């Protein structure tokens, strides 16, 4: 037991004769060894469960990142181009002639495989700047852009 060889302790003392002197002590040593082996097994099981949970989390995070890679980063040139195009095609842009010049301070509000939501400041061709909310989401094979210029 002092050398932590619990399986050997059990094996050696398991057949100790009940009528022999020292049987009580042998039984106690076996009980301690069994408890220690059980604790070691619990620790191994906990470590295995933790590794499995870590692997599952890593896989889920990889899948999430892969799904998000379809959407442009909020502060990227691609995002600005997509929002500019969406606003130009929207009734507000076509009828009133509004056009987005650039987006400043773009930041991500939330991101999931289903959608990336962003906000920023829209500098418009009327010389003013407005808060803007925009998002990217998948519609079948297409990436849809939705934008709202607040105050227009």
N, C-alpha and C. Protein backbone atom coordinates (compact mmCIF):
# COMPACT_ATOMS: atom_id res chain seq x y z
N UNK A 1 0.82 -1.20 0.00
CA UNK A 1 0.00 0.00 0.00
C UNK A 1 0.86 1.26 0.00
N UNK A 2 1.96 1.25 0.73
CA UNK A 2 2.80 2.45 0.80
C UNK A 2 3.45 2.75 -0.54
N UNK A 3 3.59 1.75 -1.39
CA UNK A 3 4.17 1.96 -2.72
C UNK A 3 3.08 2.11 -3.79
N UNK A 4 1.85 2.20 -3.35
CA UNK A 4 0.70 2.41 -4.25
C UNK A 4 0.52 1.25 -5.24
N UNK A 5 0.88 0.06 -4.84
CA UNK A 5 0.69 -1.14 -5.65
C UNK A 5 -0.59 -1.84 -5.18
N UNK A 6 -1.70 -1.14 -5.34
CA UNK A 6 -2.96 -1.60 -4.75
C UNK A 6 -3.46 -2.91 -5.33
N UNK A 7 -3.30 -3.10 -6.62
CA UNK A 7 -3.75 -4.35 -7.24
C UNK A 7 -2.97 -5.53 -6.68
N UNK A 8 -1.68 -5.35 -6.45
CA UNK A 8 -0.86 -6.43 -5.89
C UNK A 8 -1.25 -6.72 -4.44
N UNK A 9 -1.56 -5.66 -3.68
CA UNK A 9 -1.98 -5.85 -2.29
C UNK A 9 -3.22 -6.73 -2.25
N UNK A 10 -4.18 -6.40 -3.11
CA UNK A 10 -5.43 -7.17 -3.15
C UNK A 10 -5.15 -8.61 -3.56
N UNK A 11 -4.32 -8.79 -4.58
CA UNK A 11 -4.02 -10.13 -5.08
C UNK A 11 -3.32 -10.96 -3.99
N UNK A 12 -2.37 -10.36 -3.29
CA UNK A 12 -1.61 -11.11 -2.29
C UNK A 12 -2.42 -11.42 -1.03
N UNK A 13 -3.27 -10.48 -0.63
CA UNK A 13 -3.98 -10.65 0.64
C UNK A 13 -5.38 -11.22 0.49
N UNK A 14 -5.87 -11.34 -0.71
CA UNK A 14 -7.25 -11.77 -0.93
C UNK A 14 -7.52 -13.17 -0.37
N UNK A 15 -6.55 -14.04 -0.44
CA UNK A 15 -6.74 -15.43 0.03
C UNK A 15 -6.23 -15.64 1.45
N UNK A 16 -6.05 -14.55 2.18
CA UNK A 16 -5.53 -14.67 3.56
C UNK A 16 -6.53 -15.47 4.39
N UNK A 17 -6.08 -16.48 5.07
CA UNK A 17 -6.99 -17.34 5.85
C UNK A 17 -7.69 -16.55 6.96
N UNK A 18 -8.97 -16.77 7.09
CA UNK A 18 -9.77 -16.03 8.07
C UNK A 18 -9.37 -16.35 9.51
N UNK A 19 -8.90 -17.55 9.74
CA UNK A 19 -8.60 -17.97 11.11
C UNK A 19 -7.19 -17.61 11.54
N UNK A 20 -6.40 -17.08 10.61
CA UNK A 20 -5.02 -16.72 10.93
C UNK A 20 -4.96 -15.38 11.64
N UNK A 21 -3.90 -15.25 12.44
CA UNK A 21 -3.65 -13.97 13.09
C UNK A 21 -3.30 -12.95 12.00
N UNK A 22 -3.80 -11.74 12.10
CA UNK A 22 -3.53 -10.70 11.11
C UNK A 22 -4.59 -10.60 10.03
N UNK A 23 -5.63 -11.44 10.11
CA UNK A 23 -6.69 -11.39 9.10
C UNK A 23 -7.39 -10.03 9.10
N UNK A 24 -7.63 -9.47 10.28
CA UNK A 24 -8.31 -8.18 10.38
C UNK A 24 -7.48 -7.10 9.69
N UNK A 25 -6.18 -7.13 9.95
CA UNK A 25 -5.29 -6.14 9.33
C UNK A 25 -5.24 -6.34 7.82
N UNK A 26 -5.21 -7.58 7.35
CA UNK A 26 -5.20 -7.87 5.91
C UNK A 26 -6.49 -7.37 5.27
N UNK A 27 -7.63 -7.57 5.95
CA UNK A 27 -8.92 -7.11 5.43
C UNK A 27 -8.95 -5.59 5.31
N UNK A 28 -8.37 -4.92 6.32
CA UNK A 28 -8.31 -3.46 6.28
C UNK A 28 -7.43 -2.97 5.13
N UNK A 29 -6.30 -3.64 4.92
CA UNK A 29 -5.42 -3.27 3.81
C UNK A 29 -6.11 -3.48 2.46
N UNK A 30 -6.86 -4.56 2.34
CA UNK A 30 -7.61 -4.82 1.11
C UNK A 30 -8.67 -3.73 0.89
N UNK A 31 -9.35 -3.34 1.95
CA UNK A 31 -10.38 -2.30 1.84
C UNK A 31 -9.76 -0.97 1.40
N UNK A 32 -8.62 -0.63 1.99
CA UNK A 32 -7.93 0.61 1.60
C UNK A 32 -7.49 0.53 0.14
N UNK A 33 -6.94 -0.61 -0.25
CA UNK A 33 -6.47 -0.78 -1.63
C UNK A 33 -7.64 -0.69 -2.61
N UNK A 34 -8.77 -1.31 -2.28
CA UNK A 34 -9.96 -1.22 -3.14
C UNK A 34 -10.43 0.22 -3.27
N UNK A 35 -10.45 0.95 -2.17
CA UNK A 35 -10.89 2.35 -2.20
C UNK A 35 -9.95 3.19 -3.07
N UNK A 36 -8.66 2.94 -2.93
CA UNK A 36 -7.68 3.69 -3.73
C UNK A 36 -7.81 3.37 -5.21
N UNK A 37 -8.00 2.09 -5.54
CA UNK A 37 -8.18 1.71 -6.95
C UNK A 37 -9.45 2.34 -7.52
N UNK A 38 -10.50 2.37 -6.72
CA UNK A 38 -11.76 2.98 -7.17
C UNK A 38 -11.57 4.48 -7.42
N UNK A 39 -10.84 5.14 -6.53
CA UNK A 39 -10.57 6.57 -6.70
C UNK A 39 -9.72 6.82 -7.95
N UNK A 40 -8.72 5.98 -8.18
CA UNK A 40 -7.90 6.12 -9.39
C UNK A 40 -8.75 5.96 -10.63
N UNK A 41 -9.67 5.01 -10.61
CA UNK A 41 -10.53 4.79 -11.78
C UNK A 41 -11.45 5.98 -11.99
N UNK A 42 -11.97 6.56 -10.91
CA UNK A 42 -12.80 7.75 -11.04
C UNK A 42 -12.02 8.90 -11.67
N UNK A 43 -10.77 9.06 -11.25
CA UNK A 43 -9.94 10.12 -11.82
C UNK A 43 -9.68 9.88 -13.30
N UNK A 44 -9.41 8.63 -13.67
CA UNK A 44 -9.19 8.31 -15.08
C UNK A 44 -10.45 8.58 -15.90
N UNK A 45 -11.60 8.20 -15.34
CA UNK A 45 -12.87 8.45 -16.04
C UNK A 45 -13.12 9.94 -16.20
N UNK A 46 -12.83 10.71 -15.15
CA UNK A 46 -13.04 12.15 -15.22
C UNK A 46 -12.11 12.78 -16.25
N UNK A 47 -10.86 12.33 -16.29
CA UNK A 47 -9.91 12.85 -17.28
C UNK A 47 -10.35 12.50 -18.70
N UNK A 48 -10.84 11.28 -18.89
CA UNK A 48 -11.30 10.87 -20.21
C UNK A 48 -12.53 11.68 -20.63
N UNK A 49 -13.43 11.93 -19.69
CA UNK A 49 -14.63 12.73 -19.99
C UNK A 49 -14.24 14.16 -20.33
N UNK A 50 -13.26 14.70 -19.61
CA UNK A 50 -12.79 16.06 -19.89
C UNK A 50 -12.16 16.15 -21.27
N UNK A 51 -11.35 15.15 -21.63
CA UNK A 51 -10.74 15.14 -22.96
C UNK A 51 -11.80 15.04 -24.04
N UNK A 52 -12.80 14.21 -23.80
CA UNK A 52 -13.89 14.06 -24.77
C UNK A 52 -14.67 15.36 -24.93
N UNK A 53 -14.93 16.02 -23.81
CA UNK A 53 -15.64 17.30 -23.86
C UNK A 53 -14.81 18.36 -24.58
N UNK A 54 -13.50 18.38 -24.33
CA UNK A 54 -12.62 19.32 -25.01
C UNK A 54 -12.61 19.07 -26.52
N UNK A 55 -12.57 17.80 -26.89
CA UNK A 55 -12.56 17.45 -28.32
C UNK A 55 -13.88 17.85 -28.97
N UNK A 56 -14.99 17.62 -28.28
CA UNK A 56 -16.30 17.99 -28.83
C UNK A 56 -16.40 19.51 -28.97
N UNK A 57 -15.90 20.24 -27.99
CA UNK A 57 -15.93 21.71 -28.06
C UNK A 57 -15.06 22.20 -29.22
N UNK A 58 -13.88 21.61 -29.36
CA UNK A 58 -12.98 22.03 -30.44
C UNK A 58 -13.62 21.76 -31.80
N UNK A 59 -14.27 20.62 -31.94
CA UNK A 59 -14.94 20.29 -33.20
C UNK A 59 -16.09 21.26 -33.47
N UNK A 60 -16.89 21.55 -32.46
CA UNK A 60 -18.00 22.49 -32.63
C UNK A 60 -17.49 23.89 -32.98
N UNK A 61 -16.42 24.30 -32.34
CA UNK A 61 -15.84 25.62 -32.62
C UNK A 61 -15.29 25.68 -34.05
N UNK A 62 -14.68 24.59 -34.49
CA UNK A 62 -14.17 24.53 -35.86
C UNK A 62 -15.32 24.61 -36.87
N UNK A 63 -16.39 23.90 -36.60
CA UNK A 63 -17.56 23.94 -37.49
C UNK A 63 -18.19 25.34 -37.51
N UNK A 64 -18.24 25.99 -36.33
CA UNK A 64 -18.79 27.34 -36.24
C UNK A 64 -17.93 28.31 -37.05
N UNK A 65 -16.61 28.20 -36.91
CA UNK A 65 -15.71 29.09 -37.65
C UNK A 65 -15.83 28.85 -39.15
N UNK A 66 -15.95 27.58 -39.54
CA UNK A 66 -16.10 27.26 -40.95
C UNK A 66 -17.39 27.87 -41.51
N UNK A 67 -18.48 27.75 -40.74
CA UNK A 67 -19.76 28.33 -41.18
C UNK A 67 -19.67 29.85 -41.24
N UNK A 68 -18.99 30.46 -40.28
CA UNK A 68 -18.86 31.91 -40.27
C UNK A 68 -17.95 32.43 -41.37
N UNK A 69 -17.07 31.58 -41.88
CA UNK A 69 -16.14 32.04 -42.92
C UNK A 69 -16.87 32.41 -44.21
N UNK A 70 -18.12 31.98 -44.35
CA UNK A 70 -18.92 32.35 -45.51
C UNK A 70 -19.35 33.81 -45.46
N UNK A 71 -19.38 34.38 -44.26
CA UNK A 71 -19.82 35.76 -44.08
C UNK A 71 -18.60 36.67 -43.97
N UNK A 72 -18.66 37.83 -44.61
CA UNK A 72 -17.51 38.74 -44.47
C UNK A 72 -17.41 39.30 -43.06
N UNK A 73 -16.20 39.59 -42.64
CA UNK A 73 -15.99 40.26 -41.35
C UNK A 73 -16.66 41.63 -41.41
N UNK A 74 -17.20 42.10 -40.29
CA UNK A 74 -17.95 43.36 -40.26
C UNK A 74 -17.13 44.55 -40.75
N UNK A 75 -15.86 44.57 -40.44
CA UNK A 75 -15.02 45.72 -40.79
C UNK A 75 -14.21 45.50 -42.07
N UNK A 76 -14.63 44.53 -42.88
CA UNK A 76 -13.87 44.22 -44.09
C UNK A 76 -14.38 45.01 -45.31
N UNK A 77 -13.52 45.06 -46.31
CA UNK A 77 -13.88 45.71 -47.58
C UNK A 77 -15.06 44.98 -48.22
N UNK A 78 -15.07 43.65 -48.14
CA UNK A 78 -16.16 42.86 -48.72
C UNK A 78 -17.50 43.20 -48.07
N UNK A 79 -17.50 43.41 -46.75
CA UNK A 79 -18.74 43.77 -46.07
C UNK A 79 -19.23 45.13 -46.54
N UNK A 80 -18.33 46.10 -46.62
CA UNK A 80 -18.71 47.44 -47.08
C UNK A 80 -19.26 47.38 -48.50
N UNK A 81 -18.61 46.63 -49.38
CA UNK A 81 -19.08 46.50 -50.76
C UNK A 81 -20.46 45.86 -50.82
N UNK A 82 -20.67 44.81 -50.01
CA UNK A 82 -21.97 44.13 -50.01
C UNK A 82 -23.07 45.04 -49.49
N UNK A 83 -22.79 45.81 -48.45
CA UNK A 83 -23.79 46.73 -47.90
C UNK A 83 -24.05 47.87 -48.87
N UNK A 84 -23.00 48.40 -49.49
CA UNK A 84 -23.14 49.47 -50.48
C UNK A 84 -24.05 49.01 -51.62
N UNK A 85 -23.82 47.82 -52.11
CA UNK A 85 -24.63 47.27 -53.19
C UNK A 85 -26.08 47.07 -52.74
N UNK A 86 -26.26 46.54 -51.54
CA UNK A 86 -27.63 46.31 -51.03
C UNK A 86 -28.38 47.62 -50.89
N UNK A 87 -27.71 48.65 -50.38
CA UNK A 87 -28.38 49.94 -50.23
C UNK A 87 -28.67 50.59 -51.58
N UNK A 88 -27.78 50.42 -52.54
CA UNK A 88 -28.00 51.00 -53.87
C UNK A 88 -29.21 50.36 -54.55
N UNK A 89 -29.42 49.07 -54.29
CA UNK A 89 -30.55 48.35 -54.89
C UNK A 89 -31.85 48.53 -54.12
N UNK A 90 -31.77 49.05 -52.91
CA UNK A 90 -32.97 49.22 -52.08
C UNK A 90 -33.77 50.42 -52.57
N UNK A 91 -35.07 50.46 -52.30
CA UNK A 91 -35.91 51.60 -52.72
C UNK A 91 -35.37 52.94 -52.23
N UNK A 92 -34.83 52.99 -51.02
CA UNK A 92 -34.30 54.24 -50.49
C UNK A 92 -33.17 54.77 -51.37
N UNK A 93 -32.32 53.89 -51.81
CA UNK A 93 -31.21 54.30 -52.67
C UNK A 93 -31.65 54.65 -54.07
N UNK A 94 -32.53 53.84 -54.63
CA UNK A 94 -32.98 54.08 -56.01
C UNK A 94 -33.86 55.33 -56.11
N UNK A 95 -34.80 55.48 -55.21
CA UNK A 95 -35.76 56.58 -55.31
C UNK A 95 -35.15 57.90 -54.85
N UNK A 96 -34.46 57.88 -53.74
CA UNK A 96 -33.95 59.12 -53.16
C UNK A 96 -32.49 59.41 -53.51
N UNK A 97 -31.84 58.47 -54.16
CA UNK A 97 -30.47 58.69 -54.59
C UNK A 97 -29.43 58.58 -53.49
N UNK A 98 -29.77 58.00 -52.37
CA UNK A 98 -28.80 57.81 -51.30
C UNK A 98 -27.81 56.71 -51.67
N UNK A 99 -26.56 56.95 -51.32
CA UNK A 99 -25.52 55.96 -51.56
C UNK A 99 -24.56 55.95 -50.38
N UNK A 100 -24.10 54.78 -50.04
CA UNK A 100 -23.14 54.62 -48.95
C UNK A 100 -21.74 54.88 -49.49
N UNK A 101 -21.00 55.73 -48.81
CA UNK A 101 -19.61 56.01 -49.21
C UNK A 101 -18.67 55.07 -48.47
N UNK A 102 -18.83 54.97 -47.14
CA UNK A 102 -18.01 54.03 -46.37
C UNK A 102 -18.65 53.79 -45.02
N UNK A 103 -18.18 52.74 -44.38
CA UNK A 103 -18.63 52.40 -43.03
C UNK A 103 -17.42 52.53 -42.11
N UNK A 104 -17.58 53.30 -41.05
CA UNK A 104 -16.52 53.47 -40.06
C UNK A 104 -16.93 52.77 -38.76
N UNK A 105 -15.94 52.40 -38.00
CA UNK A 105 -16.14 51.78 -36.68
C UNK A 105 -17.06 50.57 -36.73
N UNK A 106 -16.95 49.80 -37.78
CA UNK A 106 -17.77 48.59 -37.90
C UNK A 106 -17.36 47.60 -36.82
N UNK A 107 -18.36 47.01 -36.17
CA UNK A 107 -18.10 46.05 -35.10
C UNK A 107 -19.14 44.94 -35.15
N UNK A 108 -18.73 43.78 -34.74
CA UNK A 108 -19.62 42.63 -34.72
C UNK A 108 -20.47 42.65 -33.46
N UNK A 109 -21.76 42.50 -33.64
CA UNK A 109 -22.69 42.41 -32.50
C UNK A 109 -22.86 40.96 -32.06
N UNK A 110 -23.00 40.08 -33.04
CA UNK A 110 -23.14 38.66 -32.75
C UNK A 110 -22.78 37.87 -33.99
N UNK A 111 -22.43 36.61 -33.75
CA UNK A 111 -22.09 35.74 -34.88
C UNK A 111 -22.48 34.32 -34.54
N UNK A 112 -23.11 33.68 -35.50
CA UNK A 112 -23.47 32.27 -35.38
C UNK A 112 -23.41 31.70 -36.80
N UNK A 113 -23.47 30.40 -36.93
CA UNK A 113 -23.50 29.84 -38.28
C UNK A 113 -24.69 30.33 -39.10
N UNK A 114 -25.75 30.76 -38.44
CA UNK A 114 -26.93 31.23 -39.15
C UNK A 114 -26.82 32.68 -39.60
N UNK A 115 -26.07 33.52 -38.84
CA UNK A 115 -26.08 34.95 -39.16
C UNK A 115 -24.93 35.67 -38.45
N UNK A 116 -24.41 36.70 -39.10
CA UNK A 116 -23.45 37.62 -38.49
C UNK A 116 -24.10 39.00 -38.48
N UNK A 117 -24.22 39.62 -37.30
CA UNK A 117 -24.83 40.93 -37.16
C UNK A 117 -23.75 41.95 -36.82
N UNK A 118 -23.85 43.13 -37.45
CA UNK A 118 -22.84 44.17 -37.31
C UNK A 118 -23.49 45.53 -37.10
N UNK A 119 -22.67 46.46 -36.63
CA UNK A 119 -23.10 47.85 -36.53
C UNK A 119 -21.91 48.74 -36.85
N UNK A 120 -22.20 49.99 -37.15
CA UNK A 120 -21.15 50.95 -37.45
C UNK A 120 -21.74 52.31 -37.74
N UNK A 121 -20.93 53.16 -38.34
CA UNK A 121 -21.35 54.50 -38.75
C UNK A 121 -21.28 54.56 -40.27
N UNK A 122 -22.41 54.88 -40.90
CA UNK A 122 -22.48 54.96 -42.36
C UNK A 122 -22.25 56.40 -42.81
N UNK A 123 -21.26 56.61 -43.64
CA UNK A 123 -21.04 57.92 -44.26
C UNK A 123 -21.73 57.88 -45.61
N UNK A 124 -22.75 58.75 -45.76
CA UNK A 124 -23.59 58.73 -46.95
C UNK A 124 -23.22 59.87 -47.91
N UNK A 125 -23.71 59.76 -49.14
CA UNK A 125 -23.40 60.77 -50.15
C UNK A 125 -24.10 62.10 -49.91
N UNK A 126 -24.97 62.19 -48.91
CA UNK A 126 -25.60 63.47 -48.59
C UNK A 126 -24.73 64.29 -47.62
N UNK A 127 -23.55 63.77 -47.29
CA UNK A 127 -22.61 64.47 -46.42
C UNK A 127 -22.82 64.20 -44.94
N UNK A 128 -23.78 63.40 -44.61
CA UNK A 128 -24.05 63.10 -43.20
C UNK A 128 -23.62 61.69 -42.86
N UNK A 129 -23.50 61.44 -41.57
CA UNK A 129 -23.21 60.09 -41.09
C UNK A 129 -24.36 59.64 -40.20
N UNK A 130 -24.65 58.34 -40.28
CA UNK A 130 -25.78 57.76 -39.57
C UNK A 130 -25.35 56.42 -38.97
N UNK A 131 -25.97 56.04 -37.86
CA UNK A 131 -25.74 54.68 -37.37
C UNK A 131 -26.30 53.68 -38.39
N UNK A 132 -25.62 52.57 -38.52
CA UNK A 132 -26.07 51.54 -39.46
C UNK A 132 -26.00 50.18 -38.77
N UNK A 133 -27.00 49.37 -39.03
CA UNK A 133 -27.04 47.98 -38.58
C UNK A 133 -27.07 47.14 -39.85
N UNK A 134 -26.24 46.13 -39.93
CA UNK A 134 -26.27 45.26 -41.10
C UNK A 134 -25.95 43.84 -40.69
N UNK A 135 -26.41 42.90 -41.51
CA UNK A 135 -26.20 41.49 -41.19
C UNK A 135 -26.05 40.68 -42.47
N UNK A 136 -25.46 39.52 -42.30
CA UNK A 136 -25.26 38.56 -43.39
C UNK A 136 -25.84 37.23 -42.92
N UNK A 137 -26.63 36.61 -43.79
CA UNK A 137 -27.24 35.33 -43.45
C UNK A 137 -27.32 34.47 -44.71
N UNK A 138 -27.37 33.19 -44.51
CA UNK A 138 -27.45 32.26 -45.64
C UNK A 138 -28.91 32.02 -45.99
N UNK A 139 -29.18 32.04 -47.31
CA UNK A 139 -30.48 31.69 -47.84
C UNK A 139 -30.21 30.65 -48.92
N UNK A 140 -30.25 29.38 -48.51
CA UNK A 140 -29.87 28.32 -49.44
C UNK A 140 -28.39 28.44 -49.73
N UNK A 141 -28.06 28.60 -51.00
CA UNK A 141 -26.66 28.74 -51.41
C UNK A 141 -26.17 30.19 -51.40
N UNK A 142 -27.12 31.13 -51.27
CA UNK A 142 -26.78 32.56 -51.36
C UNK A 142 -26.55 33.16 -49.98
N UNK A 143 -25.68 34.18 -49.95
CA UNK A 143 -25.48 34.98 -48.74
C UNK A 143 -26.31 36.24 -48.93
N UNK A 144 -27.23 36.47 -48.02
CA UNK A 144 -28.12 37.62 -48.08
C UNK A 144 -27.55 38.73 -47.19
N UNK A 145 -27.71 39.97 -47.66
CA UNK A 145 -27.26 41.14 -46.91
C UNK A 145 -28.49 41.95 -46.54
N UNK A 146 -28.55 42.33 -45.29
CA UNK A 146 -29.63 43.18 -44.83
C UNK A 146 -28.99 44.38 -44.13
N UNK A 147 -29.44 45.59 -44.47
CA UNK A 147 -28.86 46.80 -43.88
C UNK A 147 -29.96 47.78 -43.56
N UNK A 148 -29.76 48.49 -42.45
CA UNK A 148 -30.70 49.53 -42.04
C UNK A 148 -29.89 50.75 -41.59
N UNK A 149 -30.05 51.83 -42.33
CA UNK A 149 -29.42 53.09 -41.96
C UNK A 149 -30.42 53.81 -41.06
N UNK A 150 -30.04 54.01 -39.83
CA UNK A 150 -30.95 54.58 -38.83
C UNK A 150 -30.93 56.11 -38.98
N UNK A 151 -32.11 56.68 -39.19
CA UNK A 151 -32.24 58.11 -39.34
C UNK A 151 -32.52 58.56 -40.76
N UNK A 152 -32.50 57.64 -41.70
CA UNK A 152 -32.83 57.98 -43.08
C UNK A 152 -34.27 57.60 -43.37
